[in-house]
Amino acid sequence: MKKYMILLFMSVFALTSNAQEKKAEINFETDVIDYGEIAHGADGLREFKFTNTGNAPLVINKAYSTCGCTVPTPPKDPIMPGDTGVIKVKYNTNLAGGPIRKTITVYTNASKEPYTLKIKGTLLPEKGALEKEQSGPINN
């Protein structure tokens, strides 16, 4: 009887130690989107694509950017294992021209540490703004 109890205990221990922990994992196709040169007023919408490579549903808890000119929109529903999703990012291209350097911080159930995504590029000035700047003040 003692042998059977030991055998039973060892079997249960072996089964529980081999049980795989259920965990979501996120794998982004890229963590940087380069807008290149983008015209004033152009469509500033881009997407960060990702896959849940884990074995549990992936939940995007929160996504925010470093300023109000960049608005991330994460998926509302969990992403099942093996499925893909997107975080949409809308950059306001109606601002003054200049370099684009923004960071999006993403919190998920896959890690305690946030994921950092970046957008970059150059927003071209509004048509006519450069000509006004070069012509100087009007003297009467």
N, C-alpha and C. Protein backbone atom coordinates (compact mmCIF):
# COMPACT_ATOMS: atom_id res chain seq x y z
N MET A 1 0.82 -1.19 0.00
CA MET A 1 0.00 0.00 0.00
C MET A 1 0.86 1.26 0.00
N LYS A 2 1.95 1.19 0.76
CA LYS A 2 2.85 2.33 0.85
C LYS A 2 3.46 2.63 -0.52
N LYS A 3 3.80 1.58 -1.28
CA LYS A 3 4.38 1.76 -2.61
C LYS A 3 3.39 2.45 -3.54
N TYR A 4 2.12 2.07 -3.43
CA TYR A 4 1.10 2.68 -4.30
C TYR A 4 0.90 4.16 -3.97
N MET A 5 0.96 4.50 -2.70
CA MET A 5 0.81 5.90 -2.29
C MET A 5 1.97 6.73 -2.82
N ILE A 6 3.17 6.20 -2.72
CA ILE A 6 4.34 6.91 -3.23
C ILE A 6 4.25 7.07 -4.74
N LEU A 7 3.84 6.01 -5.43
CA LEU A 7 3.68 6.06 -6.88
C LEU A 7 2.61 7.08 -7.27
N LEU A 8 1.51 7.09 -6.55
CA LEU A 8 0.44 8.05 -6.82
C LEU A 8 0.93 9.48 -6.59
N PHE A 9 1.62 9.72 -5.50
CA PHE A 9 2.16 11.04 -5.19
C PHE A 9 3.12 11.50 -6.28
N MET A 10 4.01 10.62 -6.71
CA MET A 10 4.99 10.99 -7.75
C MET A 10 4.29 11.28 -9.07
N SER A 11 3.25 10.53 -9.40
CA SER A 11 2.51 10.76 -10.65
C SER A 11 1.83 12.12 -10.63
N VAL A 12 1.17 12.43 -9.53
CA VAL A 12 0.50 13.74 -9.41
C VAL A 12 1.53 14.86 -9.49
N PHE A 13 2.65 14.72 -8.82
CA PHE A 13 3.70 15.73 -8.85
C PHE A 13 4.23 15.92 -10.27
N ALA A 14 4.46 14.84 -10.98
CA ALA A 14 4.98 14.91 -12.35
C ALA A 14 3.99 15.62 -13.27
N LEU A 15 2.71 15.32 -13.13
CA LEU A 15 1.70 15.94 -13.97
C LEU A 15 1.57 17.44 -13.70
N THR A 16 1.60 17.83 -12.43
CA THR A 16 1.44 19.24 -12.11
C THR A 16 2.69 20.05 -12.45
N SER A 17 3.85 19.45 -12.37
CA SER A 17 5.07 20.19 -12.69
C SER A 17 5.21 20.39 -14.20
N ASN A 18 4.57 19.55 -15.00
CA ASN A 18 4.62 19.69 -16.45
C ASN A 18 3.49 20.55 -17.00
N ALA A 19 2.56 20.94 -16.14
CA ALA A 19 1.44 21.77 -16.61
C ALA A 19 1.98 23.12 -17.07
N GLN A 20 1.52 23.54 -18.24
CA GLN A 20 2.01 24.78 -18.82
C GLN A 20 1.22 25.96 -18.25
N GLU A 21 1.94 27.00 -17.87
CA GLU A 21 1.29 28.20 -17.35
C GLU A 21 0.60 28.93 -18.49
N LYS A 22 -0.64 29.32 -18.28
CA LYS A 22 -1.39 30.07 -19.29
C LYS A 22 -0.95 31.53 -19.22
N LYS A 23 -0.45 32.05 -20.36
CA LYS A 23 0.03 33.42 -20.38
C LYS A 23 -0.10 33.99 -21.78
N ALA A 24 -0.55 35.22 -21.86
CA ALA A 24 -0.60 35.93 -23.13
C ALA A 24 0.79 36.47 -23.44
N GLU A 25 1.11 36.56 -24.73
CA GLU A 25 2.37 37.16 -25.17
C GLU A 25 2.06 38.01 -26.39
N ILE A 26 2.63 39.20 -26.45
CA ILE A 26 2.39 40.10 -27.57
C ILE A 26 3.67 40.25 -28.38
N ASN A 27 3.51 40.16 -29.70
CA ASN A 27 4.65 40.29 -30.61
C ASN A 27 4.26 41.30 -31.69
N PHE A 28 4.84 42.51 -31.63
CA PHE A 28 4.55 43.54 -32.62
C PHE A 28 5.37 43.30 -33.89
N GLU A 29 4.75 43.56 -35.06
CA GLU A 29 5.49 43.46 -36.33
C GLU A 29 6.62 44.47 -36.34
N THR A 30 6.37 45.66 -35.81
CA THR A 30 7.39 46.70 -35.68
C THR A 30 7.03 47.55 -34.48
N ASP A 31 8.03 48.15 -33.85
CA ASP A 31 7.74 49.05 -32.74
C ASP A 31 7.96 50.51 -33.13
N VAL A 32 8.27 50.75 -34.42
CA VAL A 32 8.43 52.12 -34.93
C VAL A 32 7.70 52.24 -36.27
N ILE A 33 6.88 53.27 -36.39
CA ILE A 33 6.27 53.59 -37.68
C ILE A 33 6.86 54.91 -38.15
N ASP A 34 7.40 54.90 -39.36
CA ASP A 34 7.99 56.09 -39.96
C ASP A 34 7.00 56.68 -40.96
N TYR A 35 6.49 57.86 -40.66
CA TYR A 35 5.57 58.54 -41.57
C TYR A 35 6.31 59.10 -42.79
N GLY A 36 7.63 59.19 -42.70
CA GLY A 36 8.37 59.84 -43.77
C GLY A 36 8.00 61.31 -43.77
N GLU A 37 7.89 61.89 -44.97
CA GLU A 37 7.40 63.26 -45.09
C GLU A 37 5.90 63.19 -45.35
N ILE A 38 5.13 63.80 -44.47
CA ILE A 38 3.68 63.75 -44.60
C ILE A 38 3.15 65.17 -44.74
N ALA A 39 2.23 65.35 -45.68
CA ALA A 39 1.70 66.68 -45.98
C ALA A 39 0.78 67.18 -44.87
N HIS A 40 0.77 68.48 -44.71
CA HIS A 40 -0.15 69.12 -43.77
C HIS A 40 -1.58 68.75 -44.16
N GLY A 41 -2.38 68.30 -43.21
CA GLY A 41 -3.76 67.94 -43.46
C GLY A 41 -3.97 66.54 -44.02
N ALA A 42 -2.89 65.79 -44.25
CA ALA A 42 -3.00 64.42 -44.79
C ALA A 42 -3.55 63.48 -43.71
N ASP A 43 -3.93 62.28 -44.13
CA ASP A 43 -4.44 61.28 -43.20
C ASP A 43 -3.30 60.79 -42.31
N GLY A 44 -3.41 61.03 -41.02
CA GLY A 44 -2.36 60.65 -40.07
C GLY A 44 -2.61 59.33 -39.39
N LEU A 45 -3.53 58.51 -39.91
CA LEU A 45 -3.87 57.23 -39.29
C LEU A 45 -2.89 56.14 -39.72
N ARG A 46 -2.32 55.44 -38.75
CA ARG A 46 -1.44 54.30 -39.00
C ARG A 46 -1.82 53.20 -38.02
N GLU A 47 -1.29 51.97 -38.25
CA GLU A 47 -1.62 50.83 -37.39
C GLU A 47 -0.37 50.07 -36.98
N PHE A 48 -0.28 49.78 -35.70
CA PHE A 48 0.73 48.86 -35.18
C PHE A 48 0.07 47.49 -35.12
N LYS A 49 0.56 46.55 -35.93
CA LYS A 49 -0.01 45.20 -35.96
C LYS A 49 0.75 44.30 -34.99
N PHE A 50 0.01 43.40 -34.34
CA PHE A 50 0.63 42.49 -33.38
C PHE A 50 -0.09 41.15 -33.40
N THR A 51 0.58 40.14 -32.83
CA THR A 51 0.03 38.79 -32.71
C THR A 51 0.13 38.35 -31.26
N ASN A 52 -0.89 37.65 -30.80
CA ASN A 52 -0.83 37.02 -29.48
C ASN A 52 -0.16 35.67 -29.68
N THR A 53 1.10 35.57 -29.31
CA THR A 53 1.86 34.33 -29.46
C THR A 53 1.82 33.47 -28.20
N GLY A 54 1.03 33.88 -27.23
CA GLY A 54 0.90 33.12 -25.99
C GLY A 54 -0.20 32.08 -26.08
N ASN A 55 -0.57 31.54 -24.92
CA ASN A 55 -1.60 30.51 -24.86
C ASN A 55 -2.80 30.94 -24.01
N ALA A 56 -2.94 32.25 -23.79
CA ALA A 56 -4.08 32.81 -23.06
C ALA A 56 -4.53 34.08 -23.78
N PRO A 57 -5.78 34.49 -23.59
CA PRO A 57 -6.25 35.71 -24.25
C PRO A 57 -5.41 36.94 -23.85
N LEU A 58 -5.14 37.79 -24.83
CA LEU A 58 -4.36 39.02 -24.62
C LEU A 58 -5.32 40.19 -24.47
N VAL A 59 -5.13 40.97 -23.41
CA VAL A 59 -5.96 42.14 -23.17
C VAL A 59 -5.07 43.38 -23.16
N ILE A 60 -5.43 44.37 -23.98
CA ILE A 60 -4.74 45.66 -23.94
C ILE A 60 -5.46 46.48 -22.88
N ASN A 61 -4.81 46.70 -21.76
CA ASN A 61 -5.44 47.42 -20.65
C ASN A 61 -5.48 48.93 -20.87
N LYS A 62 -4.42 49.46 -21.48
CA LYS A 62 -4.31 50.91 -21.62
C LYS A 62 -3.27 51.23 -22.68
N ALA A 63 -3.53 52.27 -23.47
CA ALA A 63 -2.55 52.78 -24.43
C ALA A 63 -2.68 54.29 -24.44
N TYR A 64 -1.56 54.97 -24.28
CA TYR A 64 -1.59 56.44 -24.30
C TYR A 64 -0.32 56.97 -24.95
N SER A 65 -0.37 58.24 -25.36
CA SER A 65 0.78 58.85 -26.02
C SER A 65 1.34 59.98 -25.18
N THR A 66 2.46 60.52 -25.65
CA THR A 66 3.16 61.57 -24.92
C THR A 66 2.51 62.94 -25.09
N CYS A 67 1.55 63.07 -26.02
CA CYS A 67 0.86 64.35 -26.17
C CYS A 67 -0.51 64.12 -26.81
N GLY A 68 -1.34 65.15 -26.77
CA GLY A 68 -2.68 65.04 -27.31
C GLY A 68 -2.76 65.02 -28.82
N CYS A 69 -1.66 65.29 -29.50
CA CYS A 69 -1.66 65.29 -30.97
C CYS A 69 -1.60 63.88 -31.54
N THR A 70 -1.34 62.89 -30.68
CA THR A 70 -1.26 61.49 -31.10
C THR A 70 -2.23 60.68 -30.25
N VAL A 71 -3.20 60.05 -30.92
CA VAL A 71 -4.24 59.32 -30.18
C VAL A 71 -4.21 57.84 -30.56
N PRO A 72 -3.81 56.96 -29.62
CA PRO A 72 -3.86 55.52 -29.89
C PRO A 72 -5.24 54.96 -29.56
N THR A 73 -5.67 53.99 -30.37
CA THR A 73 -6.95 53.30 -30.12
C THR A 73 -6.68 51.80 -30.12
N PRO A 74 -6.61 51.19 -28.93
CA PRO A 74 -6.38 49.75 -28.87
C PRO A 74 -7.67 48.97 -29.09
N PRO A 75 -7.57 47.68 -29.39
CA PRO A 75 -8.79 46.86 -29.52
C PRO A 75 -9.49 46.73 -28.16
N LYS A 76 -10.80 46.69 -28.19
CA LYS A 76 -11.58 46.59 -26.95
C LYS A 76 -11.71 45.15 -26.49
N ASP A 77 -11.76 44.22 -27.44
CA ASP A 77 -11.96 42.81 -27.10
C ASP A 77 -10.61 42.10 -26.94
N PRO A 78 -10.57 41.04 -26.12
CA PRO A 78 -9.34 40.26 -25.99
C PRO A 78 -8.94 39.64 -27.34
N ILE A 79 -7.64 39.50 -27.54
CA ILE A 79 -7.09 38.84 -28.72
C ILE A 79 -6.74 37.42 -28.31
N MET A 80 -7.36 36.46 -28.96
CA MET A 80 -7.17 35.05 -28.61
C MET A 80 -5.79 34.56 -29.05
N PRO A 81 -5.28 33.50 -28.44
CA PRO A 81 -3.97 32.95 -28.82
C PRO A 81 -3.92 32.66 -30.33
N GLY A 82 -2.85 33.12 -30.96
CA GLY A 82 -2.66 32.91 -32.39
C GLY A 82 -3.30 33.96 -33.27
N ASP A 83 -4.19 34.78 -32.70
CA ASP A 83 -4.86 35.82 -33.49
C ASP A 83 -4.03 37.10 -33.53
N THR A 84 -4.39 37.96 -34.49
CA THR A 84 -3.70 39.24 -34.65
C THR A 84 -4.65 40.38 -34.32
N GLY A 85 -4.08 41.51 -34.01
CA GLY A 85 -4.85 42.71 -33.72
C GLY A 85 -4.06 43.94 -34.12
N VAL A 86 -4.67 45.10 -33.97
CA VAL A 86 -3.99 46.36 -34.30
C VAL A 86 -4.27 47.40 -33.22
N ILE A 87 -3.29 48.25 -33.03
CA ILE A 87 -3.48 49.48 -32.26
C ILE A 87 -3.42 50.60 -33.28
N LYS A 88 -4.54 51.28 -33.47
CA LYS A 88 -4.58 52.39 -34.42
C LYS A 88 -4.01 53.63 -33.75
N VAL A 89 -3.23 54.39 -34.54
CA VAL A 89 -2.63 55.63 -34.03
C VAL A 89 -2.97 56.74 -35.01
N LYS A 90 -3.58 57.80 -34.50
CA LYS A 90 -3.96 58.95 -35.32
C LYS A 90 -3.11 60.14 -34.90
N TYR A 91 -2.28 60.63 -35.84
CA TYR A 91 -1.47 61.82 -35.60
C TYR A 91 -2.16 63.01 -36.25
N ASN A 92 -2.28 64.10 -35.52
CA ASN A 92 -2.93 65.31 -36.02
C ASN A 92 -2.00 66.04 -36.98
N THR A 93 -2.29 65.96 -38.26
CA THR A 93 -1.44 66.58 -39.28
C THR A 93 -1.85 68.02 -39.59
N ASN A 94 -2.73 68.59 -38.79
CA ASN A 94 -3.13 69.99 -38.99
C ASN A 94 -2.31 70.94 -38.12
N LEU A 95 -1.24 70.46 -37.56
CA LEU A 95 -0.35 71.27 -36.73
C LEU A 95 0.69 71.95 -37.62
N ALA A 96 1.52 72.80 -37.03
CA ALA A 96 2.61 73.42 -37.77
C ALA A 96 3.60 72.34 -38.20
N GLY A 97 4.28 72.59 -39.29
CA GLY A 97 5.24 71.61 -39.80
C GLY A 97 6.42 71.42 -38.86
N GLY A 98 7.11 70.30 -39.03
CA GLY A 98 8.29 70.02 -38.22
C GLY A 98 8.46 68.53 -37.99
N PRO A 99 9.46 68.18 -37.19
CA PRO A 99 9.71 66.75 -36.93
C PRO A 99 8.61 66.12 -36.08
N ILE A 100 8.36 64.85 -36.35
CA ILE A 100 7.40 64.06 -35.56
C ILE A 100 8.22 63.05 -34.77
N ARG A 101 8.13 63.10 -33.47
CA ARG A 101 8.80 62.14 -32.58
C ARG A 101 7.87 61.92 -31.39
N LYS A 102 7.07 60.87 -31.44
CA LYS A 102 6.10 60.60 -30.38
C LYS A 102 6.22 59.17 -29.89
N THR A 103 5.87 58.96 -28.63
CA THR A 103 5.93 57.65 -28.00
C THR A 103 4.53 57.23 -27.55
N ILE A 104 4.20 55.98 -27.80
CA ILE A 104 2.94 55.39 -27.34
C ILE A 104 3.30 54.30 -26.34
N THR A 105 2.71 54.36 -25.17
CA THR A 105 2.96 53.38 -24.11
C THR A 105 1.75 52.46 -24.02
N VAL A 106 2.02 51.14 -24.03
CA VAL A 106 0.95 50.14 -24.07
C VAL A 106 1.09 49.20 -22.87
N TYR A 107 0.01 49.08 -22.10
CA TYR A 107 -0.05 48.16 -20.97
C TYR A 107 -0.95 46.99 -21.33
N THR A 108 -0.47 45.76 -21.08
CA THR A 108 -1.23 44.55 -21.40
C THR A 108 -1.17 43.57 -20.22
N ASN A 109 -1.93 42.50 -20.34
CA ASN A 109 -1.86 41.43 -19.35
C ASN A 109 -0.70 40.47 -19.64
N ALA A 110 0.09 40.74 -20.68
CA ALA A 110 1.21 39.87 -21.04
C ALA A 110 2.45 40.16 -20.21
N SER A 111 2.55 41.38 -19.67
CA SER A 111 3.75 41.77 -18.93
C SER A 111 3.40 42.88 -17.95
N LYS A 112 4.13 42.90 -16.84
CA LYS A 112 3.96 44.01 -15.90
C LYS A 112 4.59 45.28 -16.45
N GLU A 113 5.59 45.12 -17.29
CA GLU A 113 6.28 46.26 -17.90
C GLU A 113 5.52 46.70 -19.14
N PRO A 114 5.43 48.01 -19.38
CA PRO A 114 4.73 48.48 -20.59
C PRO A 114 5.58 48.27 -21.84
N TYR A 115 4.91 48.23 -22.97
CA TYR A 115 5.57 48.18 -24.27
C TYR A 115 5.63 49.61 -24.80
N THR A 116 6.72 49.94 -25.48
CA THR A 116 6.90 51.29 -26.01
C THR A 116 6.91 51.23 -27.53
N LEU A 117 6.00 51.98 -28.13
CA LEU A 117 5.93 52.11 -29.58
C LEU A 117 6.27 53.55 -29.93
N LYS A 118 6.79 53.76 -31.14
CA LYS A 118 7.18 55.12 -31.53
C LYS A 118 6.69 55.43 -32.94
N ILE A 119 6.38 56.71 -33.15
CA ILE A 119 6.14 57.20 -34.51
C ILE A 119 7.14 58.31 -34.77
N LYS A 120 7.54 58.43 -36.02
CA LYS A 120 8.49 59.47 -36.39
C LYS A 120 8.22 59.91 -37.81
N GLY A 121 8.81 61.01 -38.19
CA GLY A 121 8.65 61.52 -39.54
C GLY A 121 8.80 63.02 -39.55
N THR A 122 8.36 63.62 -40.65
CA THR A 122 8.41 65.07 -40.80
C THR A 122 7.07 65.54 -41.33
N LEU A 123 6.44 66.44 -40.59
CA LEU A 123 5.20 67.05 -41.04
C LEU A 123 5.55 68.27 -41.86
N LEU A 124 5.16 68.25 -43.13
CA LEU A 124 5.46 69.37 -44.02
C LEU A 124 4.57 70.56 -43.66
N PRO A 125 5.10 71.79 -43.83
CA PRO A 125 4.29 72.95 -43.49
C PRO A 125 3.10 73.08 -44.43
N GLU A 126 2.10 73.80 -43.97
CA GLU A 126 0.90 74.05 -44.76
C GLU A 126 1.30 74.81 -46.03
N LYS A 127 0.67 74.45 -47.17
CA LYS A 127 0.97 75.14 -48.42
C LYS A 127 0.66 76.62 -48.23
N GLY A 128 1.57 77.45 -48.66
CA GLY A 128 1.41 78.88 -48.52
C GLY A 128 2.11 79.42 -47.28
N ALA A 129 2.28 78.60 -46.25
CA ALA A 129 2.93 79.07 -45.03
C ALA A 129 4.38 79.40 -45.29
N LEU A 130 5.05 78.59 -46.10
CA LEU A 130 6.46 78.83 -46.41
C LEU A 130 6.61 80.08 -47.26
N GLU A 131 5.71 80.28 -48.22
CA GLU A 131 5.79 81.47 -49.07
C GLU A 131 5.58 82.74 -48.25
N LYS A 132 4.64 82.72 -47.31
CA LYS A 132 4.40 83.87 -46.44
C LYS A 132 5.64 84.17 -45.61
N GLU A 133 6.28 83.09 -45.12
CA GLU A 133 7.46 83.24 -44.29
C GLU A 133 8.61 83.84 -45.09
N GLN A 134 8.78 83.40 -46.35
CA GLN A 134 9.90 83.86 -47.17
C GLN A 134 9.68 85.27 -47.70
N SER A 135 8.43 85.68 -47.92
CA SER A 135 8.18 86.99 -48.50
C SER A 135 8.39 88.11 -47.49
N GLY A 136 8.33 87.79 -46.22
CA GLY A 136 8.57 88.80 -45.19
C GLY A 136 7.37 89.68 -44.99
N PRO A 137 7.52 90.69 -44.14
CA PRO A 137 6.39 91.57 -43.86
C PRO A 137 6.08 92.48 -45.05
N ILE A 138 4.85 92.87 -45.13
CA ILE A 138 4.42 93.78 -46.20
C ILE A 138 4.57 95.20 -45.68
N ASN A 139 5.32 96.03 -46.43
CA ASN A 139 5.54 97.42 -46.04
C ASN A 139 4.60 98.32 -46.82
N ASN A 140 3.89 99.16 -46.15
CA ASN A 140 2.98 100.12 -46.81
C ASN A 140 3.53 101.50 -46.73
